[in-house]
Amino acid sequence: MPWKREIPMDQKMMLISDWLGGDFSKSELARYYGVSQPTVHKWISRYVQEGNKGLEERSRAPLSCPHQTGNQITIGQRNQRQLTC
């Protein structure tokens, strides 16, 4: 028999449904669903602010890279290479 696998969105929706029912505290929900209390708070906050769309998976890619070489330097290097060729 295959393992029962839950889709993360379904798990989040069940958690929100249980929370809206008012029968469970956030700490009880965290224990039951195997996630941290800050994660439960984050999911509930996103649901309140954005509805179902707030529960969708988000990119974990950084918005910026502070040690990345600036565009002006890169363009200058490219121009310098073209002049030497």
N, C-alpha and C. Protein backbone atom coordinates (compact mmCIF):
# COMPACT_ATOMS: atom_id res chain seq x y z
N MET A 1 0.84 -1.18 0.00
CA MET A 1 0.00 0.00 0.00
C MET A 1 0.90 1.25 0.00
N PRO A 2 0.64 2.23 -0.88
CA PRO A 2 1.49 3.41 -0.94
C PRO A 2 1.28 4.31 0.29
N TRP A 3 2.31 5.10 0.58
CA TRP A 3 2.20 6.05 1.68
C TRP A 3 1.19 7.13 1.34
N LYS A 4 0.48 7.58 2.36
CA LYS A 4 -0.47 8.67 2.15
C LYS A 4 0.32 9.98 2.09
N ARG A 5 0.21 10.66 0.99
CA ARG A 5 0.91 11.93 0.82
C ARG A 5 -0.10 13.04 0.70
N GLU A 6 0.12 14.10 1.44
CA GLU A 6 -0.78 15.25 1.38
C GLU A 6 -0.13 16.37 0.60
N ILE A 7 -0.93 17.05 -0.14
CA ILE A 7 -0.48 18.22 -0.88
C ILE A 7 -0.41 19.37 0.13
N PRO A 8 0.69 20.15 0.14
CA PRO A 8 0.82 21.22 1.13
C PRO A 8 -0.37 22.19 1.15
N MET A 9 -0.91 22.51 0.00
CA MET A 9 -2.05 23.43 -0.04
C MET A 9 -3.25 22.82 0.69
N ASP A 10 -3.47 21.51 0.51
CA ASP A 10 -4.58 20.84 1.19
C ASP A 10 -4.38 20.86 2.70
N GLN A 11 -3.13 20.64 3.13
CA GLN A 11 -2.83 20.66 4.56
C GLN A 11 -3.09 22.05 5.13
N LYS A 12 -2.69 23.07 4.42
CA LYS A 12 -2.92 24.44 4.89
C LYS A 12 -4.40 24.74 4.97
N MET A 13 -5.16 24.31 3.97
CA MET A 13 -6.60 24.56 3.97
C MET A 13 -7.29 23.84 5.14
N MET A 14 -6.85 22.61 5.44
CA MET A 14 -7.43 21.89 6.58
C MET A 14 -7.09 22.59 7.89
N LEU A 15 -5.86 23.09 8.01
CA LEU A 15 -5.46 23.83 9.20
C LEU A 15 -6.32 25.08 9.36
N ILE A 16 -6.50 25.83 8.29
CA ILE A 16 -7.32 27.05 8.35
C ILE A 16 -8.76 26.69 8.71
N SER A 17 -9.28 25.63 8.14
CA SER A 17 -10.65 25.20 8.44
C SER A 17 -10.79 24.86 9.93
N ASP A 18 -9.81 24.14 10.47
CA ASP A 18 -9.83 23.81 11.90
C ASP A 18 -9.75 25.06 12.76
N TRP A 19 -8.93 26.02 12.33
CA TRP A 19 -8.79 27.27 13.09
C TRP A 19 -10.09 28.08 13.05
N LEU A 20 -10.71 28.15 11.86
CA LEU A 20 -11.96 28.90 11.74
C LEU A 20 -13.08 28.26 12.56
N GLY A 21 -13.01 26.94 12.74
CA GLY A 21 -14.01 26.24 13.54
C GLY A 21 -13.95 26.64 15.01
N GLY A 22 -12.81 27.17 15.45
CA GLY A 22 -12.67 27.66 16.81
C GLY A 22 -12.48 26.59 17.87
N ASP A 23 -12.28 25.35 17.47
CA ASP A 23 -12.13 24.26 18.44
C ASP A 23 -10.68 24.05 18.88
N PHE A 24 -9.72 24.65 18.18
CA PHE A 24 -8.31 24.39 18.47
C PHE A 24 -7.55 25.70 18.63
N SER A 25 -6.55 25.67 19.51
CA SER A 25 -5.65 26.81 19.63
C SER A 25 -4.56 26.69 18.57
N LYS A 26 -3.80 27.75 18.38
CA LYS A 26 -2.71 27.71 17.39
C LYS A 26 -1.66 26.68 17.78
N SER A 27 -1.39 26.56 19.08
CA SER A 27 -0.38 25.59 19.51
C SER A 27 -0.87 24.15 19.28
N GLU A 28 -2.15 23.91 19.48
CA GLU A 28 -2.70 22.58 19.20
C GLU A 28 -2.64 22.25 17.71
N LEU A 29 -2.95 23.24 16.90
CA LEU A 29 -2.87 23.04 15.44
C LEU A 29 -1.43 22.76 15.01
N ALA A 30 -0.48 23.48 15.60
CA ALA A 30 0.92 23.28 15.25
C ALA A 30 1.35 21.85 15.58
N ARG A 31 0.98 21.37 16.75
CA ARG A 31 1.33 19.99 17.13
C ARG A 31 0.66 18.98 16.21
N TYR A 32 -0.62 19.17 15.95
CA TYR A 32 -1.37 18.21 15.14
C TYR A 32 -0.84 18.12 13.72
N TYR A 33 -0.53 19.28 13.12
CA TYR A 33 -0.08 19.30 11.72
C TYR A 33 1.43 19.18 11.58
N GLY A 34 2.15 19.15 12.70
CA GLY A 34 3.59 18.94 12.65
C GLY A 34 4.37 20.12 12.11
N VAL A 35 3.90 21.33 12.40
CA VAL A 35 4.59 22.55 11.98
C VAL A 35 4.81 23.41 13.22
N SER A 36 5.63 24.44 13.08
CA SER A 36 5.91 25.32 14.21
C SER A 36 4.77 26.31 14.42
N GLN A 37 4.71 26.88 15.62
CA GLN A 37 3.68 27.88 15.90
C GLN A 37 3.84 29.13 15.03
N PRO A 38 5.08 29.60 14.78
CA PRO A 38 5.21 30.74 13.86
C PRO A 38 4.68 30.44 12.46
N THR A 39 4.82 29.18 12.01
CA THR A 39 4.31 28.80 10.69
C THR A 39 2.78 28.86 10.69
N VAL A 40 2.15 28.37 11.76
CA VAL A 40 0.68 28.45 11.87
C VAL A 40 0.25 29.91 11.84
N HIS A 41 0.94 30.75 12.60
CA HIS A 41 0.59 32.18 12.63
C HIS A 41 0.75 32.81 11.25
N LYS A 42 1.84 32.44 10.55
CA LYS A 42 2.09 32.98 9.20
C LYS A 42 0.98 32.59 8.24
N TRP A 43 0.60 31.30 8.26
CA TRP A 43 -0.45 30.83 7.35
C TRP A 43 -1.78 31.51 7.65
N ILE A 44 -2.12 31.65 8.93
CA ILE A 44 -3.39 32.29 9.30
C ILE A 44 -3.37 33.75 8.88
N SER A 45 -2.26 34.44 9.13
CA SER A 45 -2.15 35.86 8.74
C SER A 45 -2.29 36.04 7.23
N ARG A 46 -1.62 35.18 6.48
CA ARG A 46 -1.72 35.28 5.02
C ARG A 46 -3.14 34.99 4.55
N TYR A 47 -3.80 34.03 5.19
CA TYR A 47 -5.18 33.71 4.81
C TYR A 47 -6.10 34.90 5.10
N VAL A 48 -5.94 35.53 6.26
CA VAL A 48 -6.77 36.67 6.63
C VAL A 48 -6.55 37.83 5.66
N GLN A 49 -5.29 38.08 5.28
CA GLN A 49 -4.97 39.20 4.41
C GLN A 49 -5.28 38.96 2.94
N GLU A 50 -5.03 37.71 2.46
CA GLU A 50 -5.11 37.46 1.02
C GLU A 50 -6.08 36.36 0.61
N GLY A 51 -6.71 35.70 1.58
CA GLY A 51 -7.61 34.59 1.25
C GLY A 51 -6.82 33.36 0.81
N ASN A 52 -7.45 32.51 0.01
CA ASN A 52 -6.80 31.27 -0.44
C ASN A 52 -5.50 31.52 -1.19
N LYS A 53 -5.43 32.62 -1.90
CA LYS A 53 -4.21 32.94 -2.67
C LYS A 53 -3.01 33.11 -1.74
N GLY A 54 -3.23 33.56 -0.52
CA GLY A 54 -2.14 33.74 0.43
C GLY A 54 -1.51 32.45 0.89
N LEU A 55 -2.18 31.32 0.68
CA LEU A 55 -1.66 30.02 1.11
C LEU A 55 -0.84 29.32 0.04
N GLU A 56 -0.79 29.88 -1.16
CA GLU A 56 -0.02 29.26 -2.24
C GLU A 56 1.46 29.34 -1.94
N GLU A 57 2.23 28.39 -2.46
CA GLU A 57 3.68 28.37 -2.26
C GLU A 57 4.29 29.63 -2.87
N ARG A 58 5.26 30.18 -2.17
CA ARG A 58 5.95 31.37 -2.65
C ARG A 58 7.40 31.04 -2.95
N SER A 59 7.99 31.84 -3.80
CA SER A 59 9.40 31.65 -4.14
C SER A 59 10.27 31.92 -2.92
N ARG A 60 11.29 31.11 -2.76
CA ARG A 60 12.23 31.31 -1.65
C ARG A 60 13.51 31.97 -2.14
N ALA A 61 13.54 32.35 -3.41
CA ALA A 61 14.73 32.98 -3.97
C ALA A 61 14.90 34.37 -3.35
N PRO A 62 16.12 34.77 -3.06
CA PRO A 62 16.34 36.09 -2.49
C PRO A 62 15.96 37.19 -3.48
N LEU A 63 15.51 38.32 -2.95
CA LEU A 63 15.13 39.43 -3.81
C LEU A 63 16.35 40.21 -4.30
N SER A 64 17.44 40.10 -3.55
CA SER A 64 18.67 40.78 -3.98
C SER A 64 19.87 39.96 -3.53
N CYS A 65 21.01 40.30 -4.08
CA CYS A 65 22.26 39.63 -3.72
C CYS A 65 23.27 40.75 -3.43
N PRO A 66 23.49 41.05 -2.14
CA PRO A 66 24.30 42.21 -1.80
C PRO A 66 25.76 42.14 -2.26
N HIS A 67 26.30 40.96 -2.47
CA HIS A 67 27.69 40.86 -2.90
C HIS A 67 27.84 40.69 -4.41
N GLN A 68 26.75 40.85 -5.15
CA GLN A 68 26.79 40.71 -6.61
C GLN A 68 27.49 41.93 -7.23
N THR A 69 28.24 41.70 -8.28
CA THR A 69 28.93 42.77 -8.99
C THR A 69 27.90 43.69 -9.64
N GLY A 70 28.08 44.98 -9.48
CA GLY A 70 27.15 45.96 -10.03
C GLY A 70 27.12 45.96 -11.55
N ASN A 71 26.00 46.43 -12.12
CA ASN A 71 25.83 46.45 -13.58
C ASN A 71 26.87 47.34 -14.26
N GLN A 72 27.17 48.50 -13.68
CA GLN A 72 28.12 49.42 -14.31
C GLN A 72 29.51 48.79 -14.41
N ILE A 73 29.92 48.07 -13.39
CA ILE A 73 31.23 47.41 -13.42
C ILE A 73 31.23 46.31 -14.48
N THR A 74 30.18 45.54 -14.53
CA THR A 74 30.08 44.45 -15.51
C THR A 74 30.11 44.99 -16.93
N ILE A 75 29.37 46.07 -17.18
CA ILE A 75 29.36 46.68 -18.51
C ILE A 75 30.75 47.21 -18.86
N GLY A 76 31.43 47.83 -17.89
CA GLY A 76 32.78 48.34 -18.11
C GLY A 76 33.75 47.22 -18.45
N GLN A 77 33.65 46.11 -17.75
CA GLN A 77 34.52 44.97 -18.03
C GLN A 77 34.26 44.42 -19.42
N ARG A 78 32.98 44.34 -19.80
CA ARG A 78 32.64 43.83 -21.12
C ARG A 78 33.19 44.76 -22.21
N ASN A 79 33.07 46.07 -22.01
CA ASN A 79 33.58 47.04 -22.98
C ASN A 79 35.10 46.96 -23.08
N GLN A 80 35.75 46.76 -21.96
CA GLN A 80 37.21 46.66 -21.95
C GLN A 80 37.66 45.41 -22.70
N ARG A 81 36.96 44.31 -22.53
CA ARG A 81 37.31 43.08 -23.24
C ARG A 81 37.14 43.28 -24.75
N GLN A 82 36.09 43.98 -25.15
CA GLN A 82 35.84 44.19 -26.57
C GLN A 82 36.94 45.06 -27.19
N LEU A 83 37.47 46.00 -26.41
CA LEU A 83 38.54 46.87 -26.93
C LEU A 83 39.86 46.11 -27.09
N THR A 84 40.10 45.12 -26.24
CA THR A 84 41.36 44.38 -26.31
C THR A 84 41.34 43.29 -27.36
N CYS A 85 40.20 42.94 -27.85
CA CYS A 85 40.10 41.85 -28.85
C CYS A 85 40.33 42.34 -30.24
